[in-house]
Every structure is written in structure tokens, then in C-alpha cells.
Amino acid sequence: MTVERGIMLVVGVLVLASVLLAVYVNINWLWLTGILGAHLIVASFTGFCPVVMILKKIGLPQKAGFS
């Protein structure tokens, strides 16, 4: 697994979990989905993503051209 695939896995799990929590627990869990979406937009412009830093620290390889 690479950093890029790890990001997709982490965000996908979090979005799915927040939707399921919104359906079965409380609708306010959809705020997490919105926050994740907003962060993805900001990260696309700034390049800052805490998940990338964590995945790099645990030693996942990354593709060339990704920082």
C-alpha cells in the first residue's frame, strides 16, 4: 500500500462511518462528512494533510511527485 492509497482508505472509512452514524445514531454526524469534504478541498490547494504525515511516519512508500 502507498500513501496515496492509504489516504483514500482512511477518508473513505471515515466518510462511510459518519454516514452510518448519522443514519443509526444522530444526524449531526453528517458534520464530520462535511468537514472531511472541506478538508479535501483545502488540502488540494495547500498540500497540507495530517493523514499524509501519519502515513509517512509509519513508513508507507509514496509515488514520485507526491509530497
N, C-alpha and C. Protein backbone atom coordinates (compact mmCIF):
# COMPACT_ATOMS: atom_id res chain seq x y z
N MET A 1 0.85 -1.18 0.00
CA MET A 1 0.00 0.00 0.00
C MET A 1 0.89 1.23 0.00
N THR A 2 0.46 2.24 -0.75
CA THR A 2 1.21 3.50 -0.80
C THR A 2 0.46 4.57 0.00
N VAL A 3 1.11 5.70 0.20
CA VAL A 3 0.50 6.82 0.91
C VAL A 3 -0.79 7.26 0.20
N GLU A 4 -0.75 7.30 -1.12
CA GLU A 4 -1.92 7.75 -1.87
C GLU A 4 -3.13 6.84 -1.65
N ARG A 5 -2.89 5.54 -1.68
CA ARG A 5 -3.98 4.60 -1.44
C ARG A 5 -4.42 4.63 0.02
N GLY A 6 -3.48 4.86 0.92
CA GLY A 6 -3.80 4.97 2.34
C GLY A 6 -4.73 6.14 2.62
N ILE A 7 -4.49 7.25 1.94
CA ILE A 7 -5.35 8.43 2.12
C ILE A 7 -6.78 8.09 1.69
N MET A 8 -6.90 7.46 0.53
CA MET A 8 -8.24 7.10 0.04
C MET A 8 -8.93 6.14 1.01
N LEU A 9 -8.17 5.19 1.57
CA LEU A 9 -8.74 4.25 2.52
C LEU A 9 -9.22 4.95 3.79
N VAL A 10 -8.38 5.79 4.37
CA VAL A 10 -8.74 6.48 5.61
C VAL A 10 -9.95 7.38 5.42
N VAL A 11 -9.93 8.20 4.38
CA VAL A 11 -11.04 9.13 4.16
C VAL A 11 -12.32 8.36 3.81
N GLY A 12 -12.21 7.31 3.01
CA GLY A 12 -13.38 6.51 2.68
C GLY A 12 -14.02 5.87 3.90
N VAL A 13 -13.19 5.32 4.78
CA VAL A 13 -13.70 4.71 6.02
C VAL A 13 -14.37 5.76 6.90
N LEU A 14 -13.76 6.94 7.02
CA LEU A 14 -14.34 7.99 7.85
C LEU A 14 -15.66 8.50 7.29
N VAL A 15 -15.74 8.67 5.99
CA VAL A 15 -16.99 9.14 5.38
C VAL A 15 -18.09 8.08 5.56
N LEU A 16 -17.76 6.83 5.28
CA LEU A 16 -18.75 5.77 5.45
C LEU A 16 -19.20 5.65 6.90
N ALA A 17 -18.25 5.74 7.83
CA ALA A 17 -18.60 5.65 9.25
C ALA A 17 -19.49 6.81 9.67
N SER A 18 -19.20 8.02 9.20
CA SER A 18 -20.01 9.17 9.61
C SER A 18 -21.43 9.08 9.03
N VAL A 19 -21.57 8.56 7.82
CA VAL A 19 -22.90 8.40 7.24
C VAL A 19 -23.69 7.34 8.01
N LEU A 20 -23.05 6.23 8.32
CA LEU A 20 -23.73 5.19 9.10
C LEU A 20 -24.11 5.69 10.48
N LEU A 21 -23.22 6.44 11.12
CA LEU A 21 -23.54 7.01 12.43
C LEU A 21 -24.69 8.01 12.33
N ALA A 22 -24.73 8.77 11.23
CA ALA A 22 -25.84 9.72 11.05
C ALA A 22 -27.17 8.99 10.88
N VAL A 23 -27.16 7.86 10.20
CA VAL A 23 -28.39 7.10 9.97
C VAL A 23 -28.86 6.42 11.25
N TYR A 24 -27.94 5.83 11.99
CA TYR A 24 -28.32 4.99 13.12
C TYR A 24 -28.20 5.64 14.50
N VAL A 25 -27.43 6.73 14.61
CA VAL A 25 -27.22 7.34 15.93
C VAL A 25 -27.80 8.75 15.99
N ASN A 26 -27.21 9.65 15.22
CA ASN A 26 -27.63 11.05 15.29
C ASN A 26 -27.26 11.74 13.98
N ILE A 27 -28.17 12.51 13.43
CA ILE A 27 -27.96 13.19 12.16
C ILE A 27 -26.77 14.16 12.19
N ASN A 28 -26.40 14.62 13.37
CA ASN A 28 -25.29 15.56 13.49
C ASN A 28 -23.94 14.97 13.09
N TRP A 29 -23.84 13.65 12.94
CA TRP A 29 -22.60 13.03 12.46
C TRP A 29 -22.29 13.44 11.03
N LEU A 30 -23.29 13.96 10.30
CA LEU A 30 -23.02 14.41 8.94
C LEU A 30 -22.07 15.61 8.91
N TRP A 31 -21.93 16.30 10.03
CA TRP A 31 -20.95 17.38 10.10
C TRP A 31 -19.54 16.85 9.83
N LEU A 32 -19.26 15.63 10.30
CA LEU A 32 -17.95 15.04 10.04
C LEU A 32 -17.73 14.84 8.54
N THR A 33 -18.75 14.40 7.84
CA THR A 33 -18.65 14.23 6.39
C THR A 33 -18.36 15.57 5.72
N GLY A 34 -19.05 16.61 6.14
CA GLY A 34 -18.81 17.95 5.60
C GLY A 34 -17.41 18.46 5.89
N ILE A 35 -16.94 18.22 7.09
CA ILE A 35 -15.59 18.66 7.47
C ILE A 35 -14.55 17.93 6.65
N LEU A 36 -14.74 16.63 6.44
CA LEU A 36 -13.81 15.87 5.61
C LEU A 36 -13.78 16.40 4.18
N GLY A 37 -14.95 16.70 3.63
CA GLY A 37 -15.01 17.25 2.28
C GLY A 37 -14.32 18.60 2.18
N ALA A 38 -14.56 19.45 3.16
CA ALA A 38 -13.91 20.77 3.17
C ALA A 38 -12.39 20.63 3.29
N HIS A 39 -11.96 19.69 4.13
CA HIS A 39 -10.51 19.48 4.28
C HIS A 39 -9.89 18.99 2.98
N LEU A 40 -10.57 18.11 2.26
CA LEU A 40 -10.03 17.63 0.98
C LEU A 40 -9.87 18.78 -0.01
N ILE A 41 -10.81 19.70 -0.01
CA ILE A 41 -10.71 20.86 -0.91
C ILE A 41 -9.52 21.73 -0.51
N VAL A 42 -9.40 22.02 0.77
CA VAL A 42 -8.29 22.86 1.25
C VAL A 42 -6.95 22.16 1.00
N ALA A 43 -6.88 20.86 1.26
CA ALA A 43 -5.64 20.11 1.06
C ALA A 43 -5.21 20.08 -0.40
N SER A 44 -6.18 20.11 -1.31
CA SER A 44 -5.83 20.12 -2.73
C SER A 44 -5.12 21.40 -3.13
N PHE A 45 -5.40 22.50 -2.43
CA PHE A 45 -4.74 23.77 -2.73
C PHE A 45 -3.47 23.98 -1.93
N THR A 46 -3.48 23.58 -0.66
CA THR A 46 -2.35 23.86 0.22
C THR A 46 -1.33 22.73 0.28
N GLY A 47 -1.76 21.51 0.03
CA GLY A 47 -0.86 20.37 0.14
C GLY A 47 -0.69 19.87 1.55
N PHE A 48 -1.36 20.48 2.52
CA PHE A 48 -1.25 20.08 3.92
C PHE A 48 -2.32 19.04 4.25
N CYS A 49 -1.87 17.87 4.71
CA CYS A 49 -2.80 16.83 5.10
C CYS A 49 -2.18 16.03 6.25
N PRO A 50 -2.79 16.08 7.43
CA PRO A 50 -2.26 15.34 8.57
C PRO A 50 -2.20 13.83 8.32
N VAL A 51 -3.12 13.29 7.53
CA VAL A 51 -3.10 11.86 7.24
C VAL A 51 -1.83 11.48 6.49
N VAL A 52 -1.40 12.33 5.57
CA VAL A 52 -0.16 12.07 4.83
C VAL A 52 1.02 12.01 5.79
N MET A 53 1.09 12.94 6.72
CA MET A 53 2.20 12.95 7.68
C MET A 53 2.21 11.67 8.51
N ILE A 54 1.04 11.21 8.94
CA ILE A 54 0.95 10.00 9.74
C ILE A 54 1.36 8.77 8.92
N LEU A 55 0.86 8.69 7.69
CA LEU A 55 1.19 7.54 6.85
C LEU A 55 2.67 7.50 6.50
N LYS A 56 3.29 8.67 6.31
CA LYS A 56 4.73 8.72 6.06
C LYS A 56 5.51 8.24 7.28
N LYS A 57 5.05 8.65 8.48
CA LYS A 57 5.75 8.26 9.70
C LYS A 57 5.69 6.76 9.96
N ILE A 58 4.61 6.11 9.53
CA ILE A 58 4.54 4.67 9.74
C ILE A 58 5.26 3.90 8.63
N GLY A 59 5.80 4.64 7.66
CA GLY A 59 6.69 4.03 6.68
C GLY A 59 6.09 3.59 5.37
N LEU A 60 4.90 4.07 5.03
CA LEU A 60 4.33 3.70 3.73
C LEU A 60 5.10 4.41 2.61
N PRO A 61 5.37 3.72 1.53
CA PRO A 61 6.05 4.37 0.40
C PRO A 61 5.11 5.30 -0.34
N GLN A 62 5.67 6.24 -1.06
CA GLN A 62 4.84 7.15 -1.84
C GLN A 62 5.32 7.21 -3.27
N LYS A 63 4.42 7.56 -4.16
CA LYS A 63 4.76 7.66 -5.57
C LYS A 63 5.56 8.93 -5.81
N ALA A 64 6.35 8.92 -6.86
CA ALA A 64 7.14 10.10 -7.22
C ALA A 64 6.22 11.26 -7.55
N GLY A 65 6.60 12.45 -7.13
CA GLY A 65 5.84 13.64 -7.43
C GLY A 65 4.78 13.99 -6.40
N PHE A 66 4.67 13.18 -5.36
CA PHE A 66 3.67 13.45 -4.31
C PHE A 66 4.42 13.87 -3.06
N SER A 67 3.99 15.01 -2.48
CA SER A 67 4.72 15.47 -1.28
C SER A 67 3.81 15.64 -0.10
